[in-house]
């Protein structure tokens, strides 16, 4: 087993002093795509999602990095009609990175032979489109979390980022000791990203049943049950590692000042913001409902938008395309105000 890291150039300059980041640059925004399954075996697809998800959680422990929430990444890919495997191409990664505001995209691949597992990763600089560096880690399936730890170390080294002992312990913490629970969790995350919330709930429940101490699976299961959309709604969902108060107030500010919609009413005690947009003499406009909830260690966002077209008071149809456009415009303002977007879409 080994870790091999090739560094072409350092793409981040940070000074770290006893665990306190002394920044000479702002936080770097990183997006981790699902890892490509080089074996093309559908039975191993769960590894592609699981490794990308877990690596995002691990790197999210680093104070000098901001990780793009993977549901937001999935939504951006849907916007471009892409599948996860399309991100093996650096030019495609650049397009996705610009939409989600990432400065660096992490592209990876997994290859399994019997019990042996190899994970490789490449970093793509979104602005230039160049592959800046690469990393590789090998081991057995039983060591899948240790392999990810070594890969995370390699990726941090390639970025020139050092971490304190406390942060390193958080990175190295195993989400579960049960590989079967990890597989069920990974399948649940994949279903969630695809918008199949019913299936995701079933798979995540299996993960928590197999390992009742699997907190990441528990929190994701709670999020899926909370955010589950209905058949009449276009929806955006995301999880942010930011405090509830900050997320709610920033979203409220985005509604009030963003010029996308007009505030109708809001209630912080229940985490609900209602707004309207596009109202005129021939259109009923759009109803936008934003729900914010503290779920485990994250804050969940659920946005539902229904467009009502009416002529002379007679409702005609719901325009999903216009609803999604309004949501994306609102999110652009929100993420900018949250300081989570550093590259303009």
C-alpha atoms as a PDB file:
ATOM      1  CA  UNK A   1       0.000   0.000   0.000  1.00  0.00           C
ATOM      2  CA  UNK A   2       1.337   3.386  -0.858  1.00  0.00           C
ATOM      3  CA  UNK A   3       0.446   6.972  -1.452  1.00  0.00           C
ATOM      4  CA  UNK A   4       1.987   8.683  -4.451  1.00  0.00           C
ATOM      5  CA  UNK A   5       1.488  12.370  -4.953  1.00  0.00           C
ATOM      6  CA  UNK A   6       2.508  14.349  -8.011  1.00  0.00           C
ATOM      7  CA  UNK A   7       2.564  18.092  -7.548  1.00  0.00           C
ATOM      8  CA  UNK A   8       2.917  20.224 -10.655  1.00  0.00           C
ATOM      9  CA  UNK A   9       2.326  23.528  -8.875  1.00  0.00           C
ATOM     10  CA  UNK A  10       1.061  24.868  -5.578  1.00  0.00           C
ATOM     11  CA  UNK A  11      -2.339  26.439  -6.095  1.00  0.00           C
ATOM     12  CA  UNK A  12      -2.836  27.813  -2.613  1.00  0.00           C
ATOM     13  CA  UNK A  13      -0.665  29.971  -0.348  1.00  0.00           C
ATOM     14  CA  UNK A  14      -1.660  29.811   3.320  1.00  0.00           C
ATOM     15  CA  UNK A  15       0.240  30.193   6.557  1.00  0.00           C
ATOM     16  CA  UNK A  16      -1.018  28.012   9.409  1.00  0.00           C
ATOM     17  CA  UNK A  17       0.043  28.935  12.943  1.00  0.00           C
ATOM     18  CA  UNK A  18      -0.601  26.354  15.695  1.00  0.00           C
ATOM     19  CA  UNK A  19      -3.935  25.397  14.176  1.00  0.00           C
ATOM     20  CA  UNK A  20      -4.962  29.016  13.526  1.00  0.00           C
ATOM     21  CA  UNK A  21      -5.107  29.927   9.857  1.00  0.00           C
ATOM     22  CA  UNK A  22      -3.151  33.112   9.100  1.00  0.00           C
ATOM     23  CA  UNK A  23      -4.590  33.641   5.636  1.00  0.00           C
ATOM     24  CA  UNK A  24      -2.700  35.408   2.891  1.00  0.00           C
ATOM     25  CA  UNK A  25      -5.598  34.456   0.628  1.00  0.00           C
ATOM     26  CA  UNK A  26      -9.306  33.814   1.162  1.00  0.00           C
ATOM     27  CA  UNK A  27     -10.683  30.349   1.837  1.00  0.00           C
ATOM     28  CA  UNK A  28     -10.351  28.151  -1.198  1.00  0.00           C
ATOM     29  CA  UNK A  29     -13.665  26.800  -2.508  1.00  0.00           C
ATOM     30  CA  UNK A  30     -13.389  23.133  -3.475  1.00  0.00           C
ATOM     31  CA  UNK A  31     -15.960  20.836  -5.121  1.00  0.00           C
ATOM     32  CA  UNK A  32     -15.528  17.043  -5.045  1.00  0.00           C
ATOM     33  CA  UNK A  33     -17.238  15.104  -7.843  1.00  0.00           C
ATOM     34  CA  UNK A  34     -18.333  11.477  -7.571  1.00  0.00           C
ATOM     35  CA  UNK A  35     -15.428   9.187  -8.414  1.00  0.00           C
ATOM     36  CA  UNK A  36     -15.596   7.398 -11.769  1.00  0.00           C
ATOM     37  CA  UNK A  37     -15.958   3.602 -11.652  1.00  0.00           C
ATOM     38  CA  UNK A  38     -13.212   2.387 -13.988  1.00  0.00           C
ATOM     39  CA  UNK A  39     -14.386  -1.227 -13.696  1.00  0.00           C
ATOM     40  CA  UNK A  40     -17.765  -0.284 -15.210  1.00  0.00           C
ATOM     41  CA  UNK A  41     -19.367  -2.715 -12.755  1.00  0.00           C
ATOM     42  CA  UNK A  42     -22.768  -1.385 -11.605  1.00  0.00           C
ATOM     43  CA  UNK A  43     -22.400  -3.374  -8.378  1.00  0.00           C
ATOM     44  CA  UNK A  44     -19.516  -1.058  -7.441  1.00  0.00           C
ATOM     45  CA  UNK A  45     -21.202   2.237  -8.327  1.00  0.00           C
ATOM     46  CA  UNK A  46     -21.930   2.889  -4.654  1.00  0.00           C
ATOM     47  CA  UNK A  47     -18.193   3.321  -4.081  1.00  0.00           C
ATOM     48  CA  UNK A  48     -18.108   6.159  -6.609  1.00  0.00           C
ATOM     49  CA  UNK A  49     -20.690   8.145  -4.666  1.00  0.00           C
ATOM     50  CA  UNK A  50     -19.537   7.109  -1.198  1.00  0.00           C
ATOM     51  CA  UNK A  51     -15.908   8.053  -1.655  1.00  0.00           C
ATOM     52  CA  UNK A  52     -16.767  11.446  -3.140  1.00  0.00           C
ATOM     53  CA  UNK A  53     -19.208  12.123  -0.299  1.00  0.00           C
ATOM     54  CA  UNK A  54     -16.872  10.995   2.487  1.00  0.00           C
ATOM     55  CA  UNK A  55     -13.917  12.891   1.056  1.00  0.00           C
ATOM     56  CA  UNK A  56     -16.085  16.031   0.977  1.00  0.00           C
ATOM     57  CA  UNK A  57     -16.908  15.539   4.665  1.00  0.00           C
ATOM     58  CA  UNK A  58     -13.250  14.975   5.553  1.00  0.00           C
ATOM     59  CA  UNK A  59     -11.964  18.005   3.666  1.00  0.00           C
ATOM     60  CA  UNK A  60     -14.827  20.023   5.126  1.00  0.00           C
ATOM     61  CA  UNK A  61     -13.105  19.767   8.528  1.00  0.00           C
ATOM     62  CA  UNK A  62     -10.274  22.000   7.279  1.00  0.00           C
ATOM     63  CA  UNK A  63     -10.843  25.651   8.297  1.00  0.00           C
ATOM     64  CA  UNK A  64      -9.002  27.050   5.266  1.00  0.00           C
ATOM     65  CA  UNK A  65     -11.257  25.231   2.782  1.00  0.00           C
ATOM     66  CA  UNK A  66     -14.924  25.676   1.864  1.00  0.00           C
ATOM     67  CA  UNK A  67     -16.479  22.544   0.327  1.00  0.00           C
ATOM     68  CA  UNK A  68     -19.344  22.848  -2.152  1.00  0.00           C
ATOM     69  CA  UNK A  69     -22.369  20.938  -0.885  1.00  0.00           C
ATOM     70  CA  UNK A  70     -22.806  17.897  -3.113  1.00  0.00           C
ATOM     71  CA  UNK A  71     -26.548  18.341  -3.664  1.00  0.00           C
ATOM     72  CA  UNK A  72     -25.714  21.757  -5.060  1.00  0.00           C
ATOM     73  CA  UNK A  73     -23.081  20.153  -7.288  1.00  0.00           C
ATOM     74  CA  UNK A  74     -25.629  17.575  -8.445  1.00  0.00           C
ATOM     75  CA  UNK A  75     -28.141  20.338  -9.244  1.00  0.00           C
ATOM     76  CA  UNK A  76     -25.523  22.139 -11.354  1.00  0.00           C
ATOM     77  CA  UNK A  77     -24.840  18.957 -13.304  1.00  0.00           C
ATOM     78  CA  UNK A  78     -28.547  18.546 -13.991  1.00  0.00           C
ATOM     79  CA  UNK A  79     -28.575  22.122 -15.275  1.00  0.00           C
ATOM     80  CA  UNK A  80     -26.023  21.061 -17.913  1.00  0.00           C
ATOM     81  CA  UNK A  81     -27.719  17.664 -18.466  1.00  0.00           C
ATOM     82  CA  UNK A  82     -24.621  15.793 -17.269  1.00  0.00           C
ATOM     83  CA  UNK A  83     -24.023  12.514 -15.479  1.00  0.00           C
ATOM     84  CA  UNK A  84     -21.351  12.123 -12.773  1.00  0.00           C
ATOM     85  CA  UNK A  85     -19.047  10.233 -15.128  1.00  0.00           C
ATOM     86  CA  UNK A  86     -18.919  13.262 -17.430  1.00  0.00           C
ATOM     87  CA  UNK A  87     -16.714  14.999 -14.875  1.00  0.00           C
ATOM     88  CA  UNK A  88     -13.681  12.902 -15.785  1.00  0.00           C
ATOM     89  CA  UNK A  89     -13.141  15.595 -18.431  1.00  0.00           C
ATOM     90  CA  UNK A  90     -11.275  18.684 -17.183  1.00  0.00           C
ATOM     91  CA  UNK A  91     -13.095  21.093 -19.508  1.00  0.00           C
ATOM     92  CA  UNK A  92     -16.479  19.861 -18.241  1.00  0.00           C
ATOM     93  CA  UNK A  93     -15.256  20.211 -14.657  1.00  0.00           C
ATOM     94  CA  UNK A  94     -14.407  23.835 -15.388  1.00  0.00           C
ATOM     95  CA  UNK A  95     -17.986  24.548 -16.521  1.00  0.00           C
ATOM     96  CA  UNK A  96     -19.427  22.921 -13.399  1.00  0.00           C
ATOM     97  CA  UNK A  97     -16.925  24.683 -11.169  1.00  0.00           C
ATOM     98  CA  UNK A  98     -17.965  28.093 -12.492  1.00  0.00           C
ATOM     99  CA  UNK A  99     -21.654  27.375 -11.892  1.00  0.00           C
ATOM    100  CA  UNK A 100     -21.144  26.356  -8.244  1.00  0.00           C
ATOM    101  CA  UNK A 101     -18.481  28.964  -7.526  1.00  0.00           C
ATOM    102  CA  UNK A 102     -15.624  26.508  -6.969  1.00  0.00           C
ATOM    103  CA  UNK A 103     -12.010  27.477  -7.542  1.00  0.00           C
ATOM    104  CA  UNK A 104     -10.816  23.878  -7.538  1.00  0.00           C
ATOM    105  CA  UNK A 105     -12.581  20.732  -8.774  1.00  0.00           C
ATOM    106  CA  UNK A 106     -11.509  17.321  -7.470  1.00  0.00           C
ATOM    107  CA  UNK A 107     -11.964  14.576 -10.080  1.00  0.00           C
ATOM    108  CA  UNK A 108     -11.346  10.997  -9.081  1.00  0.00           C
ATOM    109  CA  UNK A 109     -11.561   7.372 -10.121  1.00  0.00           C
ATOM    110  CA  UNK A 110     -11.758   4.030  -8.363  1.00  0.00           C
ATOM    111  CA  UNK A 111     -10.457   0.685  -9.578  1.00  0.00           C
ATOM    112  CA  UNK A 112     -11.104  -2.556  -7.743  1.00  0.00           C
ATOM    113  CA  UNK A 113      -9.513  -5.951  -8.362  1.00  0.00           C
ATOM    114  CA  UNK A 114     -10.788  -8.584  -5.966  1.00  0.00           C
ATOM    115  CA  UNK A 115     -10.153  -7.171  -2.514  1.00  0.00           C
ATOM    116  CA  UNK A 116      -7.633  -4.598  -3.748  1.00  0.00           C
ATOM    117  CA  UNK A 117      -8.735  -1.001  -4.214  1.00  0.00           C
ATOM    118  CA  UNK A 118      -7.011   1.941  -5.889  1.00  0.00           C
ATOM    119  CA  UNK A 119      -8.275   5.508  -5.674  1.00  0.00           C
ATOM    120  CA  UNK A 120      -6.808   8.278  -7.799  1.00  0.00           C
ATOM    121  CA  UNK A 121      -7.627  11.973  -7.827  1.00  0.00           C
ATOM    122  CA  UNK A 122      -6.798  15.052  -9.892  1.00  0.00           C
ATOM    123  CA  UNK A 123      -7.203  18.709  -9.061  1.00  0.00           C
ATOM    124  CA  UNK A 124      -8.481  21.023 -11.790  1.00  0.00           C
ATOM    125  CA  UNK A 125      -7.992  24.770 -11.472  1.00  0.00           C
ATOM    126  CA  UNK A 126     -11.372  26.190 -12.549  1.00  0.00           C
ATOM    127  CA  UNK A 127     -10.039  29.500 -13.824  1.00  0.00           C
ATOM    128  CA  UNK A 128      -7.343  28.031 -16.094  1.00  0.00           C
ATOM    129  CA  UNK A 129      -8.823  24.576 -16.723  1.00  0.00           C
ATOM    130  CA  UNK A 130      -5.397  23.043 -16.032  1.00  0.00           C
ATOM    131  CA  UNK A 131      -4.848  19.863 -14.008  1.00  0.00           C
ATOM    132  CA  UNK A 132      -2.679  21.242 -11.238  1.00  0.00           C
ATOM    133  CA  UNK A 133      -1.726  18.057  -9.376  1.00  0.00           C
ATOM    134  CA  UNK A 134      -2.705  14.445  -8.685  1.00  0.00           C
ATOM    135  CA  UNK A 135      -2.782  11.861  -5.912  1.00  0.00           C
ATOM    136  CA  UNK A 136      -3.140   8.092  -5.586  1.00  0.00           C
ATOM    137  CA  UNK A 137      -3.813   5.711  -2.690  1.00  0.00           C
ATOM    138  CA  UNK A 138      -3.966   1.894  -2.634  1.00  0.00           C
ATOM    139  CA  UNK A 139      -5.180  -0.713  -0.136  1.00  0.00           C
ATOM    140  CA  UNK A 140      -7.796  -3.368   0.538  1.00  0.00           C
ATOM    141  CA  UNK A 141     -11.552  -2.916   0.798  1.00  0.00           C
ATOM    142  CA  UNK A 142     -11.351  -3.356   4.575  1.00  0.00           C
ATOM    143  CA  UNK A 143      -9.045  -0.352   4.598  1.00  0.00           C
ATOM    144  CA  UNK A 144     -11.322   1.870   2.493  1.00  0.00           C
ATOM    145  CA  UNK A 145     -11.483   4.600   5.145  1.00  0.00           C
ATOM    146  CA  UNK A 146      -7.743   4.516   5.755  1.00  0.00           C
ATOM    147  CA  UNK A 147      -7.203   4.817   1.996  1.00  0.00           C
ATOM    148  CA  UNK A 148      -9.446   7.886   1.961  1.00  0.00           C
ATOM    149  CA  UNK A 149      -7.490   9.359   4.876  1.00  0.00           C
ATOM    150  CA  UNK A 150      -4.232   8.983   2.993  1.00  0.00           C
ATOM    151  CA  UNK A 151      -5.810  10.452  -0.116  1.00  0.00           C
ATOM    152  CA  UNK A 152      -7.101  13.436   1.909  1.00  0.00           C
ATOM    153  CA  UNK A 153      -3.581  13.946   3.307  1.00  0.00           C
ATOM    154  CA  UNK A 154      -2.165  13.839  -0.196  1.00  0.00           C
ATOM    155  CA  UNK A 155      -4.703  16.331  -1.511  1.00  0.00           C
ATOM    156  CA  UNK A 156      -4.064  18.738   1.363  1.00  0.00           C
ATOM    157  CA  UNK A 157      -0.325  18.453   0.795  1.00  0.00           C
ATOM    158  CA  UNK A 158      -0.818  19.213  -2.877  1.00  0.00           C
ATOM    159  CA  UNK A 159      -2.712  22.371  -1.911  1.00  0.00           C
ATOM    160  CA  UNK A 160       0.006  23.417   0.519  1.00  0.00           C
ATOM    161  CA  UNK A 161      -2.406  23.200   3.478  1.00  0.00           C
ATOM    162  CA  UNK A 162      -1.279  22.164   6.964  1.00  0.00           C
ATOM    163  CA  UNK A 163      -3.737  21.349   9.732  1.00  0.00           C
ATOM    164  CA  UNK A 164      -3.614  21.220  13.511  1.00  0.00           C
ATOM    165  CA  UNK A 165      -3.607  17.946  15.457  1.00  0.00           C
ATOM    166  CA  UNK A 166      -7.250  18.539  16.419  1.00  0.00           C
ATOM    167  CA  UNK A 167      -8.365  19.022  12.806  1.00  0.00           C
ATOM    168  CA  UNK A 168      -6.313  16.024  11.698  1.00  0.00           C
ATOM    169  CA  UNK A 169      -8.130  13.841  14.239  1.00  0.00           C
ATOM    170  CA  UNK A 170     -11.470  14.996  12.813  1.00  0.00           C
ATOM    171  CA  UNK A 171     -10.318  14.137   9.294  1.00  0.00           C
ATOM    172  CA  UNK A 172      -9.174  10.673  10.388  1.00  0.00           C
ATOM    173  CA  UNK A 173     -12.386   9.836  12.274  1.00  0.00           C
ATOM    174  CA  UNK A 174     -14.107   6.847  10.642  1.00  0.00           C
ATOM    175  CA  UNK A 175     -17.788   7.416   9.830  1.00  0.00           C
ATOM    176  CA  UNK A 176     -18.495   3.731  10.566  1.00  0.00           C
ATOM    177  CA  UNK A 177     -16.688   0.427  11.070  1.00  0.00           C
ATOM    178  CA  UNK A 178     -19.361  -1.469   9.126  1.00  0.00           C
ATOM    179  CA  UNK A 179     -18.669  -1.689   5.372  1.00  0.00           C
ATOM    180  CA  UNK A 180     -22.211  -2.946   4.707  1.00  0.00           C
ATOM    181  CA  UNK A 181     -23.622   0.126   6.485  1.00  0.00           C
ATOM    182  CA  UNK A 182     -21.293   2.343   4.447  1.00  0.00           C
ATOM    183  CA  UNK A 183     -22.525   0.707   1.236  1.00  0.00           C
ATOM    184  CA  UNK A 184     -26.182   1.290   2.189  1.00  0.00           C
ATOM    185  CA  UNK A 185     -25.361   4.903   3.105  1.00  0.00           C
ATOM    186  CA  UNK A 186     -23.569   5.500  -0.208  1.00  0.00           C
ATOM    187  CA  UNK A 187     -26.499   4.092  -2.161  1.00  0.00           C
ATOM    188  CA  UNK A 188     -28.841   6.336  -0.190  1.00  0.00           C
ATOM    189  CA  UNK A 189     -26.773   9.420  -0.992  1.00  0.00           C
ATOM    190  CA  UNK A 190     -26.744   8.462  -4.681  1.00  0.00           C
ATOM    191  CA  UNK A 191     -30.553   8.119  -4.678  1.00  0.00           C
ATOM    192  CA  UNK A 192     -30.888  11.449  -2.890  1.00  0.00           C
ATOM    193  CA  UNK A 193     -28.699  13.199  -5.464  1.00  0.00           C
ATOM    194  CA  UNK A 194     -30.849  11.675  -8.214  1.00  0.00           C
ATOM    195  CA  UNK A 195     -33.988  13.069  -6.592  1.00  0.00           C
ATOM    196  CA  UNK A 196     -35.346   9.661  -5.552  1.00  0.00           C
ATOM    197  CA  UNK A 197     -36.041  10.532  -1.910  1.00  0.00           C
ATOM    198  CA  UNK A 198     -38.259   7.525  -1.167  1.00  0.00           C
ATOM    199  CA  UNK A 199     -35.526   5.113  -2.185  1.00  0.00           C
ATOM    200  CA  UNK A 200     -32.903   7.211  -0.403  1.00  0.00           C
ATOM    201  CA  UNK A 201     -34.878   7.043   2.845  1.00  0.00           C
ATOM    202  CA  UNK A 202     -35.109   3.244   2.641  1.00  0.00           C
ATOM    203  CA  UNK A 203     -31.367   2.826   1.995  1.00  0.00           C
ATOM    204  CA  UNK A 204     -30.320   5.289   4.675  1.00  0.00           C
ATOM    205  CA  UNK A 205     -32.625   3.536   7.158  1.00  0.00           C
ATOM    206  CA  UNK A 206     -30.785   0.292   6.330  1.00  0.00           C
ATOM    207  CA  UNK A 207     -27.477   2.022   7.039  1.00  0.00           C
ATOM    208  CA  UNK A 208     -28.615   3.234  10.454  1.00  0.00           C
ATOM    209  CA  UNK A 209     -30.081  -0.189  11.277  1.00  0.00           C
ATOM    210  CA  UNK A 210     -26.768  -1.871  10.460  1.00  0.00           C
ATOM    211  CA  UNK A 211     -24.811   0.646  12.533  1.00  0.00           C
ATOM    212  CA  UNK A 212     -26.888   2.656  15.040  1.00  0.00           C
ATOM    213  CA  UNK A 213     -23.785   4.768  15.785  1.00  0.00           C
ATOM    214  CA  UNK A 214     -23.336   5.861  12.153  1.00  0.00           C
ATOM    215  CA  UNK A 215     -24.011   9.577  12.792  1.00  0.00           C
ATOM    216  CA  UNK A 216     -23.419  10.705   9.198  1.00  0.00           C
ATOM    217  CA  UNK A 217     -26.063   8.249   7.988  1.00  0.00           C
ATOM    218  CA  UNK A 218     -28.432   9.313  10.777  1.00  0.00           C
ATOM    219  CA  UNK A 219     -28.110  13.000   9.927  1.00  0.00           C
ATOM    220  CA  UNK A 220     -28.543  12.336   6.195  1.00  0.00           C
ATOM    221  CA  UNK A 221     -31.598  10.169   6.897  1.00  0.00           C
ATOM    222  CA  UNK A 222     -33.139  12.998   8.949  1.00  0.00           C
ATOM    223  CA  UNK A 223     -32.412  15.448   6.150  1.00  0.00           C
ATOM    224  CA  UNK A 224     -34.013  13.207   3.502  1.00  0.00           C
ATOM    225  CA  UNK A 225     -37.171  12.736   5.579  1.00  0.00           C
ATOM    226  CA  UNK A 226     -37.397  16.490   6.170  1.00  0.00           C
ATOM    227  CA  UNK A 227     -36.707  17.657   2.622  1.00  0.00           C
ATOM    228  CA  UNK A 228     -38.735  15.039   0.747  1.00  0.00           C
ATOM    229  CA  UNK A 229     -40.608  16.975  -1.995  1.00  0.00           C
ATOM    230  CA  UNK A 230     -44.123  16.446  -3.236  1.00  0.00           C
ATOM    231  CA  UNK A 231     -45.154  15.705  -6.822  1.00  0.00           C
ATOM    232  CA  UNK A 232     -46.446  19.244  -7.428  1.00  0.00           C
ATOM    233  CA  UNK A 233     -43.251  21.122  -6.650  1.00  0.00           C
ATOM    234  CA  UNK A 234     -39.976  21.992  -8.274  1.00  0.00           C
ATOM    235  CA  UNK A 235     -37.421  21.939  -5.472  1.00  0.00           C
ATOM    236  CA  UNK A 236     -33.857  22.752  -4.507  1.00  0.00           C
ATOM    237  CA  UNK A 237     -32.275  21.116  -1.478  1.00  0.00           C
ATOM    238  CA  UNK A 238     -28.894  21.579   0.167  1.00  0.00           C
ATOM    239  CA  UNK A 239     -27.041  21.050   3.434  1.00  0.00           C
ATOM    240  CA  UNK A 240     -24.642  23.699   4.722  1.00  0.00           C
ATOM    241  CA  UNK A 241     -22.066  23.396   7.484  1.00  0.00           C
ATOM    242  CA  UNK A 242     -23.068  26.833   8.725  1.00  0.00           C
ATOM    243  CA  UNK A 243     -25.144  27.904  11.779  1.00  0.00           C
ATOM    244  CA  UNK A 244     -28.906  28.084  11.414  1.00  0.00           C
ATOM    245  CA  UNK A 245     -29.051  31.797  12.301  1.00  0.00           C
ATOM    246  CA  UNK A 246     -26.480  32.723   9.655  1.00  0.00           C
ATOM    247  CA  UNK A 247     -28.184  30.689   6.927  1.00  0.00           C
ATOM    248  CA  UNK A 248     -31.663  32.017   7.730  1.00  0.00           C
ATOM    249  CA  UNK A 249     -30.608  35.665   7.962  1.00  0.00           C
ATOM    250  CA  UNK A 250     -28.548  35.463   4.771  1.00  0.00           C
ATOM    251  CA  UNK A 251     -31.416  33.876   2.860  1.00  0.00           C
ATOM    252  CA  UNK A 252     -33.808  36.523   4.183  1.00  0.00           C
ATOM    253  CA  UNK A 253     -31.385  39.234   3.070  1.00  0.00           C
ATOM    254  CA  UNK A 254     -31.082  37.615  -0.388  1.00  0.00           C
ATOM    255  CA  UNK A 255     -34.868  37.708  -0.752  1.00  0.00           C
ATOM    256  CA  UNK A 256     -35.130  41.326   0.407  1.00  0.00           C
ATOM    257  CA  UNK A 257     -32.208  42.832  -1.507  1.00  0.00           C
ATOM    258  CA  UNK A 258     -31.459  40.440  -4.371  1.00  0.00           C
ATOM    259  CA  UNK A 259     -34.030  41.815  -6.785  1.00  0.00           C
ATOM    260  CA  UNK A 260     -35.254  38.312  -7.647  1.00  0.00           C
ATOM    261  CA  UNK A 261     -38.485  38.258  -5.654  1.00  0.00           C
ATOM    262  CA  UNK A 262     -40.513  40.241  -3.137  1.00  0.00           C
ATOM    263  CA  UNK A 263     -40.841  39.142   0.484  1.00  0.00           C
ATOM    264  CA  UNK A 264     -44.384  38.084   1.390  1.00  0.00           C
ATOM    265  CA  UNK A 265     -43.855  36.944   4.983  1.00  0.00           C
ATOM    266  CA  UNK A 266     -41.272  35.235   7.164  1.00  0.00           C
ATOM    267  CA  UNK A 267     -41.065  33.454  10.510  1.00  0.00           C
ATOM    268  CA  UNK A 268     -37.634  32.600  11.887  1.00  0.00           C
ATOM    269  CA  UNK A 269     -39.105  30.517  14.711  1.00  0.00           C
ATOM    270  CA  UNK A 270     -40.265  27.900  12.199  1.00  0.00           C
ATOM    271  CA  UNK A 271     -37.626  28.621   9.552  1.00  0.00           C
ATOM    272  CA  UNK A 272     -40.018  29.699   6.794  1.00  0.00           C
ATOM    273  CA  UNK A 273     -39.682  32.499   4.248  1.00  0.00           C
ATOM    274  CA  UNK A 274     -42.395  33.119   1.649  1.00  0.00           C
ATOM    275  CA  UNK A 275     -41.913  35.353  -1.394  1.00  0.00           C
ATOM    276  CA  UNK A 276     -43.522  36.164  -4.722  1.00  0.00           C
ATOM    277  CA  UNK A 277     -42.159  37.218  -8.091  1.00  0.00           C
ATOM    278  CA  UNK A 278     -43.372  38.012 -11.612  1.00  0.00           C
ATOM    279  CA  UNK A 279     -46.836  39.265 -10.728  1.00  0.00           C
ATOM    280  CA  UNK A 280     -48.590  41.434 -13.323  1.00  0.00           C
ATOM    281  CA  UNK A 281     -52.039  41.891 -14.904  1.00  0.00           C
ATOM    282  CA  UNK A 282     -51.803  38.650 -16.893  1.00  0.00           C
ATOM    283  CA  UNK A 283     -49.749  36.420 -14.624  1.00  0.00           C
ATOM    284  CA  UNK A 284     -50.285  35.241 -11.081  1.00  0.00           C
ATOM    285  CA  UNK A 285     -46.490  35.089 -10.726  1.00  0.00           C
ATOM    286  CA  UNK A 286     -44.449  32.623  -8.723  1.00  0.00           C
ATOM    287  CA  UNK A 287     -44.873  31.528  -5.138  1.00  0.00           C
ATOM    288  CA  UNK A 288     -41.488  30.783  -3.550  1.00  0.00           C
ATOM    289  CA  UNK A 289     -41.354  28.977  -0.215  1.00  0.00           C
ATOM    290  CA  UNK A 290     -38.015  28.622   1.560  1.00  0.00           C
ATOM    291  CA  UNK A 291     -37.606  26.334   4.551  1.00  0.00           C
ATOM    292  CA  UNK A 292     -34.513  26.363   6.773  1.00  0.00           C
ATOM    293  CA  UNK A 293     -33.898  23.718   9.435  1.00  0.00           C
ATOM    294  CA  UNK A 294     -31.111  22.769  11.826  1.00  0.00           C
ATOM    295  CA  UNK A 295     -30.483  19.040  11.261  1.00  0.00           C
ATOM    296  CA  UNK A 296     -27.740  17.377  13.240  1.00  0.00           C
ATOM    297  CA  UNK A 297     -24.491  19.177  12.497  1.00  0.00           C
ATOM    298  CA  UNK A 298     -25.768  20.925   9.369  1.00  0.00           C
ATOM    299  CA  UNK A 299     -28.404  23.420   8.304  1.00  0.00           C
ATOM    300  CA  UNK A 300     -30.842  22.210   5.667  1.00  0.00           C
ATOM    301  CA  UNK A 301     -32.371  24.379   2.941  1.00  0.00           C
ATOM    302  CA  UNK A 302     -35.484  23.413   0.986  1.00  0.00           C
ATOM    303  CA  UNK A 303     -36.841  25.770  -1.696  1.00  0.00           C
ATOM    304  CA  UNK A 304     -40.153  25.133  -3.442  1.00  0.00           C
ATOM    305  CA  UNK A 305     -41.275  27.369  -6.305  1.00  0.00           C
ATOM    306  CA  UNK A 306     -44.558  27.073  -8.190  1.00  0.00           C
ATOM    307  CA  UNK A 307     -45.282  29.332 -11.131  1.00  0.00           C
ATOM    308  CA  UNK A 308     -48.918  30.191 -11.694  1.00  0.00           C
ATOM    309  CA  UNK A 309     -49.817  31.406 -15.184  1.00  0.00           C
ATOM    310  CA  UNK A 310     -53.269  32.895 -15.438  1.00  0.00           C
ATOM    311  CA  UNK A 311     -55.197  34.932 -17.978  1.00  0.00           C
ATOM    312  CA  UNK A 312     -58.073  37.131 -16.773  1.00  0.00           C
ATOM    313  CA  UNK A 313     -58.069  35.249 -13.468  1.00  0.00           C
ATOM    314  CA  UNK A 314     -58.159  31.755 -15.017  1.00  0.00           C
ATOM    315  CA  UNK A 315     -55.176  29.618 -13.983  1.00  0.00           C
ATOM    316  CA  UNK A 316     -53.558  27.860 -16.958  1.00  0.00           C
ATOM    317  CA  UNK A 317     -50.444  25.934 -15.969  1.00  0.00           C
ATOM    318  CA  UNK A 318     -47.366  25.634 -13.781  1.00  0.00           C
ATOM    319  CA  UNK A 319     -44.141  26.580 -15.555  1.00  0.00           C
ATOM    320  CA  UNK A 320     -41.368  24.469 -13.976  1.00  0.00           C
ATOM    321  CA  UNK A 321     -38.646  26.011 -16.132  1.00  0.00           C
ATOM    322  CA  UNK A 322     -39.367  29.520 -14.879  1.00  0.00           C
ATOM    323  CA  UNK A 323     -39.527  28.228 -11.305  1.00  0.00           C
ATOM    324  CA  UNK A 324     -36.073  26.674 -11.551  1.00  0.00           C
ATOM    325  CA  UNK A 325     -34.649  29.854 -13.093  1.00  0.00           C
ATOM    326  CA  UNK A 326     -35.989  31.932 -10.219  1.00  0.00           C
ATOM    327  CA  UNK A 327     -34.514  29.526  -7.676  1.00  0.00           C
ATOM    328  CA  UNK A 328     -31.102  29.648  -9.343  1.00  0.00           C
ATOM    329  CA  UNK A 329     -31.129  33.453  -9.470  1.00  0.00           C
ATOM    330  CA  UNK A 330     -32.041  33.606  -5.790  1.00  0.00           C
ATOM    331  CA  UNK A 331     -29.344  31.078  -4.861  1.00  0.00           C
ATOM    332  CA  UNK A 332     -26.714  33.056  -6.755  1.00  0.00           C
ATOM    333  CA  UNK A 333     -27.402  36.039  -4.488  1.00  0.00           C
ATOM    334  CA  UNK A 334     -27.592  33.843  -1.374  1.00  0.00           C
ATOM    335  CA  UNK A 335     -24.283  32.072  -1.966  1.00  0.00           C
ATOM    336  CA  UNK A 336     -22.530  35.340  -2.760  1.00  0.00           C
ATOM    337  CA  UNK A 337     -23.773  36.855   0.502  1.00  0.00           C
ATOM    338  CA  UNK A 338     -22.730  33.690   2.373  1.00  0.00           C
ATOM    339  CA  UNK A 339     -19.267  34.214   0.836  1.00  0.00           C
ATOM    340  CA  UNK A 340     -19.411  30.684  -0.579  1.00  0.00           C
ATOM    341  CA  UNK A 341     -19.143  31.759  -4.216  1.00  0.00           C
ATOM    342  CA  UNK A 342     -15.889  33.189  -5.540  1.00  0.00           C
ATOM    343  CA  UNK A 343     -16.311  32.521  -9.263  1.00  0.00           C
ATOM    344  CA  UNK A 344     -19.185  34.160 -11.103  1.00  0.00           C
ATOM    345  CA  UNK A 345     -21.616  31.715 -12.816  1.00  0.00           C
END
